[in-house]
């Protein structure tokens, strides 16, 4: 998965667990594409301080995912729903597909 997409998903799921300052800096630098030097000037700290904070937040988000697996489960459920959609589009072909759809739906329901 592309690094930016991964960071965005992690932030979407776990961003509220960060401090307000961490959220603001991470949003500006990673999501808002603000340079480290520009962010440093805005926040009155060194460029290295911003760089370290972004790295620390990124590592923290990765640790949350390693423990909670919310993003992984979300991506798996999205994949399964796509499979259901694909099978449903050809539903009239056979009864076998209906059984597959039920199996995938059961898996999704058990995950939720």
N, C-alpha and C. Protein backbone atom coordinates (compact mmCIF):
# COMPACT_ATOMS: atom_id res chain seq x y z
N UNK A 1 0.85 -1.16 0.00
CA UNK A 1 0.00 0.00 0.00
C UNK A 1 0.91 1.24 0.00
N UNK A 2 0.50 2.24 -0.75
CA UNK A 2 1.27 3.48 -0.82
C UNK A 2 1.35 4.12 0.57
N UNK A 3 2.52 4.67 0.89
CA UNK A 3 2.78 5.23 2.22
C UNK A 3 1.76 6.30 2.62
N UNK A 4 1.44 7.21 1.70
CA UNK A 4 0.49 8.27 2.02
C UNK A 4 -0.90 7.70 2.33
N UNK A 5 -1.33 6.73 1.55
CA UNK A 5 -2.65 6.12 1.77
C UNK A 5 -2.66 5.41 3.12
N UNK A 6 -1.56 4.71 3.42
CA UNK A 6 -1.46 4.02 4.70
C UNK A 6 -1.52 5.01 5.87
N UNK A 7 -0.75 6.10 5.76
CA UNK A 7 -0.76 7.10 6.82
C UNK A 7 -2.14 7.72 6.98
N UNK A 8 -2.81 7.96 5.89
CA UNK A 8 -4.15 8.54 5.94
C UNK A 8 -5.13 7.60 6.63
N UNK A 9 -5.09 6.33 6.27
CA UNK A 9 -5.99 5.36 6.92
C UNK A 9 -5.69 5.24 8.41
N UNK A 10 -4.42 5.14 8.75
CA UNK A 10 -4.05 5.05 10.17
C UNK A 10 -4.53 6.28 10.93
N UNK A 11 -4.35 7.45 10.33
CA UNK A 11 -4.78 8.69 10.98
C UNK A 11 -6.31 8.72 11.12
N UNK A 12 -7.01 8.29 10.09
CA UNK A 12 -8.47 8.26 10.16
C UNK A 12 -8.97 7.39 11.31
N UNK A 13 -8.32 6.26 11.52
CA UNK A 13 -8.76 5.33 12.56
C UNK A 13 -8.26 5.70 13.95
N UNK A 14 -7.04 6.19 14.05
CA UNK A 14 -6.42 6.39 15.36
C UNK A 14 -6.06 7.84 15.69
N UNK A 15 -6.37 8.77 14.83
CA UNK A 15 -5.98 10.16 15.04
C UNK A 15 -6.51 10.75 16.33
N UNK A 16 -7.67 10.35 16.75
CA UNK A 16 -8.25 10.89 17.97
C UNK A 16 -7.50 10.47 19.23
N UNK A 17 -6.63 9.48 19.10
CA UNK A 17 -5.84 9.03 20.25
C UNK A 17 -4.58 9.89 20.45
N UNK A 18 -4.31 10.75 19.49
CA UNK A 18 -3.15 11.65 19.57
C UNK A 18 -3.52 12.92 20.34
N UNK A 19 -2.49 13.63 20.79
CA UNK A 19 -2.75 14.92 21.43
C UNK A 19 -3.16 15.94 20.35
N UNK A 20 -3.74 17.03 20.78
CA UNK A 20 -4.15 18.08 19.85
C UNK A 20 -2.96 18.59 19.04
N UNK A 21 -1.84 18.82 19.72
CA UNK A 21 -0.63 19.32 19.04
C UNK A 21 -0.13 18.31 18.01
N UNK A 22 -0.10 17.02 18.37
CA UNK A 22 0.33 15.99 17.43
C UNK A 22 -0.57 15.96 16.21
N UNK A 23 -1.88 16.06 16.44
CA UNK A 23 -2.83 16.05 15.32
C UNK A 23 -2.59 17.23 14.40
N UNK A 24 -2.44 18.41 14.98
CA UNK A 24 -2.26 19.61 14.16
C UNK A 24 -1.01 19.53 13.30
N UNK A 25 0.11 19.14 13.90
CA UNK A 25 1.36 19.06 13.15
C UNK A 25 1.28 17.97 12.09
N UNK A 26 0.76 16.80 12.46
CA UNK A 26 0.65 15.69 11.51
C UNK A 26 -0.24 16.07 10.34
N UNK A 27 -1.36 16.70 10.63
CA UNK A 27 -2.27 17.14 9.56
C UNK A 27 -1.58 18.14 8.64
N UNK A 28 -0.87 19.09 9.21
CA UNK A 28 -0.20 20.10 8.39
C UNK A 28 0.89 19.49 7.52
N UNK A 29 1.74 18.66 8.10
CA UNK A 29 2.91 18.15 7.39
C UNK A 29 2.55 16.99 6.47
N UNK A 30 1.84 16.00 6.97
CA UNK A 30 1.57 14.79 6.18
C UNK A 30 0.34 14.98 5.29
N UNK A 31 -0.75 15.41 5.86
CA UNK A 31 -1.99 15.51 5.09
C UNK A 31 -2.07 16.81 4.30
N UNK A 32 -1.50 17.88 4.86
CA UNK A 32 -1.54 19.18 4.19
C UNK A 32 -0.33 19.47 3.34
N UNK A 33 0.63 18.58 3.35
CA UNK A 33 1.84 18.69 2.51
C UNK A 33 2.64 19.96 2.81
N UNK A 34 2.65 20.36 4.08
CA UNK A 34 3.44 21.51 4.50
C UNK A 34 4.87 21.02 4.77
N UNK A 35 5.86 21.74 4.33
CA UNK A 35 7.26 21.34 4.55
C UNK A 35 7.64 21.43 6.01
N UNK A 36 8.68 20.67 6.38
CA UNK A 36 9.16 20.69 7.76
C UNK A 36 9.59 22.10 8.16
N UNK A 37 10.28 22.79 7.29
CA UNK A 37 10.76 24.15 7.60
C UNK A 37 9.59 25.10 7.79
N UNK A 38 8.59 24.99 6.93
CA UNK A 38 7.41 25.86 7.05
C UNK A 38 6.66 25.57 8.35
N UNK A 39 6.49 24.29 8.67
CA UNK A 39 5.80 23.93 9.91
C UNK A 39 6.60 24.40 11.12
N UNK A 40 7.92 24.27 11.04
CA UNK A 40 8.77 24.71 12.15
C UNK A 40 8.59 26.21 12.40
N UNK A 41 8.52 26.98 11.33
CA UNK A 41 8.31 28.42 11.46
C UNK A 41 6.94 28.71 12.05
N UNK A 42 5.92 27.98 11.61
CA UNK A 42 4.56 28.19 12.11
C UNK A 42 4.43 27.86 13.60
N UNK A 43 5.11 26.80 14.04
CA UNK A 43 4.98 26.34 15.42
C UNK A 43 6.08 26.85 16.34
N UNK A 44 7.05 27.58 15.78
CA UNK A 44 8.11 28.16 16.60
C UNK A 44 9.07 27.14 17.17
N UNK A 45 9.31 26.07 16.44
CA UNK A 45 10.27 25.05 16.87
C UNK A 45 11.24 24.78 15.73
N UNK A 46 12.20 23.91 15.98
CA UNK A 46 13.19 23.61 14.94
C UNK A 46 12.61 22.65 13.90
N UNK A 47 13.22 22.66 12.74
CA UNK A 47 12.84 21.73 11.67
C UNK A 47 13.00 20.29 12.16
N UNK A 48 14.08 20.04 12.90
CA UNK A 48 14.34 18.70 13.44
C UNK A 48 13.25 18.29 14.43
N UNK A 49 12.76 19.26 15.20
CA UNK A 49 11.68 18.98 16.14
C UNK A 49 10.42 18.53 15.43
N UNK A 50 10.09 19.19 14.33
CA UNK A 50 8.92 18.79 13.54
C UNK A 50 9.13 17.41 12.93
N UNK A 51 10.31 17.19 12.38
CA UNK A 51 10.64 15.90 11.77
C UNK A 51 10.50 14.78 12.80
N UNK A 52 11.06 14.98 13.99
CA UNK A 52 10.99 13.97 15.05
C UNK A 52 9.55 13.72 15.48
N UNK A 53 8.76 14.79 15.60
CA UNK A 53 7.37 14.63 16.01
C UNK A 53 6.58 13.83 14.98
N UNK A 54 6.77 14.12 13.71
CA UNK A 54 6.05 13.39 12.65
C UNK A 54 6.45 11.92 12.65
N UNK A 55 7.74 11.64 12.80
CA UNK A 55 8.21 10.25 12.86
C UNK A 55 7.63 9.54 14.08
N UNK A 56 7.61 10.22 15.21
CA UNK A 56 7.08 9.63 16.44
C UNK A 56 5.59 9.34 16.30
N UNK A 57 4.85 10.27 15.72
CA UNK A 57 3.40 10.06 15.51
C UNK A 57 3.17 8.90 14.54
N UNK A 58 3.94 8.86 13.46
CA UNK A 58 3.81 7.78 12.50
C UNK A 58 4.06 6.43 13.17
N UNK A 59 5.10 6.35 13.99
CA UNK A 59 5.41 5.11 14.71
C UNK A 59 4.29 4.76 15.70
N UNK A 60 3.75 5.77 16.36
CA UNK A 60 2.67 5.56 17.32
C UNK A 60 1.43 5.01 16.61
N UNK A 61 1.09 5.57 15.46
CA UNK A 61 -0.05 5.08 14.69
C UNK A 61 0.16 3.63 14.25
N UNK A 62 1.39 3.30 13.85
CA UNK A 62 1.72 1.93 13.46
C UNK A 62 1.56 0.98 14.65
N UNK A 63 1.96 1.43 15.83
CA UNK A 63 1.83 0.60 17.03
C UNK A 63 0.36 0.36 17.39
N UNK A 64 -0.45 1.39 17.25
CA UNK A 64 -1.89 1.20 17.49
C UNK A 64 -2.45 0.14 16.55
N UNK A 65 -2.06 0.21 15.28
CA UNK A 65 -2.55 -0.77 14.31
C UNK A 65 -2.05 -2.17 14.64
N UNK A 66 -0.80 -2.28 15.08
CA UNK A 66 -0.25 -3.59 15.43
C UNK A 66 -1.02 -4.23 16.59
N UNK A 67 -1.54 -3.40 17.48
CA UNK A 67 -2.28 -3.92 18.63
C UNK A 67 -3.77 -4.12 18.33
N UNK A 68 -4.36 -3.20 17.58
CA UNK A 68 -5.82 -3.21 17.40
C UNK A 68 -6.29 -3.77 16.06
N UNK A 69 -5.48 -3.68 15.03
CA UNK A 69 -5.78 -4.23 13.70
C UNK A 69 -7.06 -3.69 13.07
N UNK A 70 -7.45 -2.47 13.39
CA UNK A 70 -8.69 -1.91 12.83
C UNK A 70 -8.58 -1.64 11.33
N UNK A 71 -7.46 -1.11 10.89
CA UNK A 71 -7.28 -0.83 9.46
C UNK A 71 -7.24 -2.13 8.67
N UNK A 72 -6.51 -3.11 9.18
CA UNK A 72 -6.44 -4.42 8.51
C UNK A 72 -7.80 -5.06 8.37
N UNK A 73 -8.59 -5.02 9.43
CA UNK A 73 -9.95 -5.59 9.37
C UNK A 73 -10.83 -4.81 8.41
N UNK A 74 -10.69 -3.49 8.43
CA UNK A 74 -11.46 -2.65 7.51
C UNK A 74 -11.14 -3.01 6.06
N UNK A 75 -9.85 -3.14 5.74
CA UNK A 75 -9.46 -3.46 4.36
C UNK A 75 -9.94 -4.86 3.96
N UNK A 76 -9.89 -5.80 4.89
CA UNK A 76 -10.37 -7.16 4.59
C UNK A 76 -11.88 -7.16 4.36
N UNK A 77 -12.61 -6.44 5.18
CA UNK A 77 -14.07 -6.37 5.00
C UNK A 77 -14.41 -5.70 3.68
N UNK A 78 -13.68 -4.65 3.34
CA UNK A 78 -13.91 -3.97 2.06
C UNK A 78 -13.65 -4.92 0.89
N UNK A 79 -12.61 -5.73 1.00
CA UNK A 79 -12.31 -6.72 -0.03
C UNK A 79 -13.44 -7.75 -0.14
N UNK A 80 -13.93 -8.22 0.98
CA UNK A 80 -15.01 -9.20 0.98
C UNK A 80 -16.30 -8.63 0.40
N UNK A 81 -16.59 -7.40 0.73
CA UNK A 81 -17.79 -6.76 0.18
C UNK A 81 -17.66 -6.62 -1.33
N UNK A 82 -16.46 -6.34 -1.81
CA UNK A 82 -16.23 -6.27 -3.26
C UNK A 82 -16.48 -7.63 -3.90
N UNK A 83 -16.07 -8.69 -3.23
CA UNK A 83 -16.34 -10.04 -3.73
C UNK A 83 -17.83 -10.32 -3.79
N UNK A 84 -18.56 -9.89 -2.76
CA UNK A 84 -20.01 -10.07 -2.74
C UNK A 84 -20.64 -9.35 -3.92
N UNK A 85 -20.18 -8.14 -4.15
CA UNK A 85 -20.71 -7.34 -5.26
C UNK A 85 -20.46 -8.03 -6.60
N UNK A 86 -19.26 -8.54 -6.76
CA UNK A 86 -18.91 -9.23 -8.00
C UNK A 86 -19.76 -10.48 -8.20
N UNK A 87 -19.92 -11.24 -7.14
CA UNK A 87 -20.75 -12.45 -7.24
C UNK A 87 -22.22 -12.10 -7.49
N UNK A 88 -22.68 -11.06 -6.82
CA UNK A 88 -24.08 -10.67 -6.97
C UNK A 88 -24.39 -10.19 -8.37
N UNK A 89 -23.42 -9.62 -9.05
CA UNK A 89 -23.67 -9.13 -10.41
C UNK A 89 -23.99 -10.27 -11.37
N UNK A 90 -23.55 -11.47 -11.07
CA UNK A 90 -23.86 -12.63 -11.91
C UNK A 90 -24.75 -13.63 -11.21
N UNK A 91 -25.60 -13.15 -10.33
CA UNK A 91 -26.39 -14.02 -9.46
C UNK A 91 -27.25 -15.03 -10.21
N UNK A 92 -27.76 -14.69 -11.36
CA UNK A 92 -28.68 -15.59 -12.06
C UNK A 92 -27.98 -16.80 -12.67
N UNK A 93 -26.66 -16.86 -12.61
CA UNK A 93 -25.94 -17.94 -13.27
C UNK A 93 -26.09 -19.28 -12.56
N UNK A 94 -26.01 -19.32 -11.26
CA UNK A 94 -26.11 -20.62 -10.58
C UNK A 94 -26.41 -20.49 -9.11
N UNK A 95 -26.84 -21.58 -8.53
CA UNK A 95 -27.11 -21.64 -7.10
C UNK A 95 -25.81 -21.62 -6.30
N UNK A 96 -24.73 -22.09 -6.91
CA UNK A 96 -23.44 -22.13 -6.24
C UNK A 96 -23.01 -20.73 -5.82
N UNK A 97 -23.22 -19.75 -6.68
CA UNK A 97 -22.86 -18.37 -6.36
C UNK A 97 -23.66 -17.85 -5.17
N UNK A 98 -24.92 -18.25 -5.07
CA UNK A 98 -25.74 -17.81 -3.94
C UNK A 98 -25.15 -18.34 -2.63
N UNK A 99 -24.65 -19.56 -2.64
CA UNK A 99 -24.00 -20.14 -1.46
C UNK A 99 -22.72 -19.39 -1.11
N UNK A 100 -21.96 -19.00 -2.12
CA UNK A 100 -20.73 -18.23 -1.89
C UNK A 100 -21.06 -16.87 -1.28
N UNK A 101 -22.12 -16.24 -1.80
CA UNK A 101 -22.52 -14.93 -1.27
C UNK A 101 -22.91 -15.05 0.20
N UNK A 102 -23.65 -16.07 0.53
CA UNK A 102 -24.05 -16.28 1.93
C UNK A 102 -22.83 -16.50 2.82
N UNK A 103 -21.86 -17.27 2.34
CA UNK A 103 -20.64 -17.52 3.11
C UNK A 103 -19.86 -16.24 3.36
N UNK A 104 -19.72 -15.42 2.34
CA UNK A 104 -18.99 -14.16 2.49
C UNK A 104 -19.75 -13.24 3.43
N UNK A 105 -21.07 -13.18 3.29
CA UNK A 105 -21.88 -12.33 4.19
C UNK A 105 -21.76 -12.77 5.63
N UNK A 106 -21.75 -14.07 5.87
CA UNK A 106 -21.58 -14.59 7.23
C UNK A 106 -20.24 -14.17 7.80
N UNK A 107 -19.20 -14.23 7.00
CA UNK A 107 -17.87 -13.81 7.44
C UNK A 107 -17.88 -12.33 7.83
N UNK A 108 -18.50 -11.51 6.99
CA UNK A 108 -18.57 -10.07 7.27
C UNK A 108 -19.34 -9.82 8.56
N UNK A 109 -20.47 -10.47 8.72
CA UNK A 109 -21.27 -10.27 9.92
C UNK A 109 -20.54 -10.71 11.18
N UNK A 110 -19.78 -11.79 11.10
CA UNK A 110 -19.02 -12.24 12.26
C UNK A 110 -17.89 -11.28 12.60
N UNK A 111 -17.33 -10.62 11.61
CA UNK A 111 -16.25 -9.65 11.83
C UNK A 111 -16.77 -8.38 12.50
N UNK A 112 -18.00 -8.01 12.22
CA UNK A 112 -18.55 -6.79 12.78
C UNK A 112 -19.06 -7.07 14.15
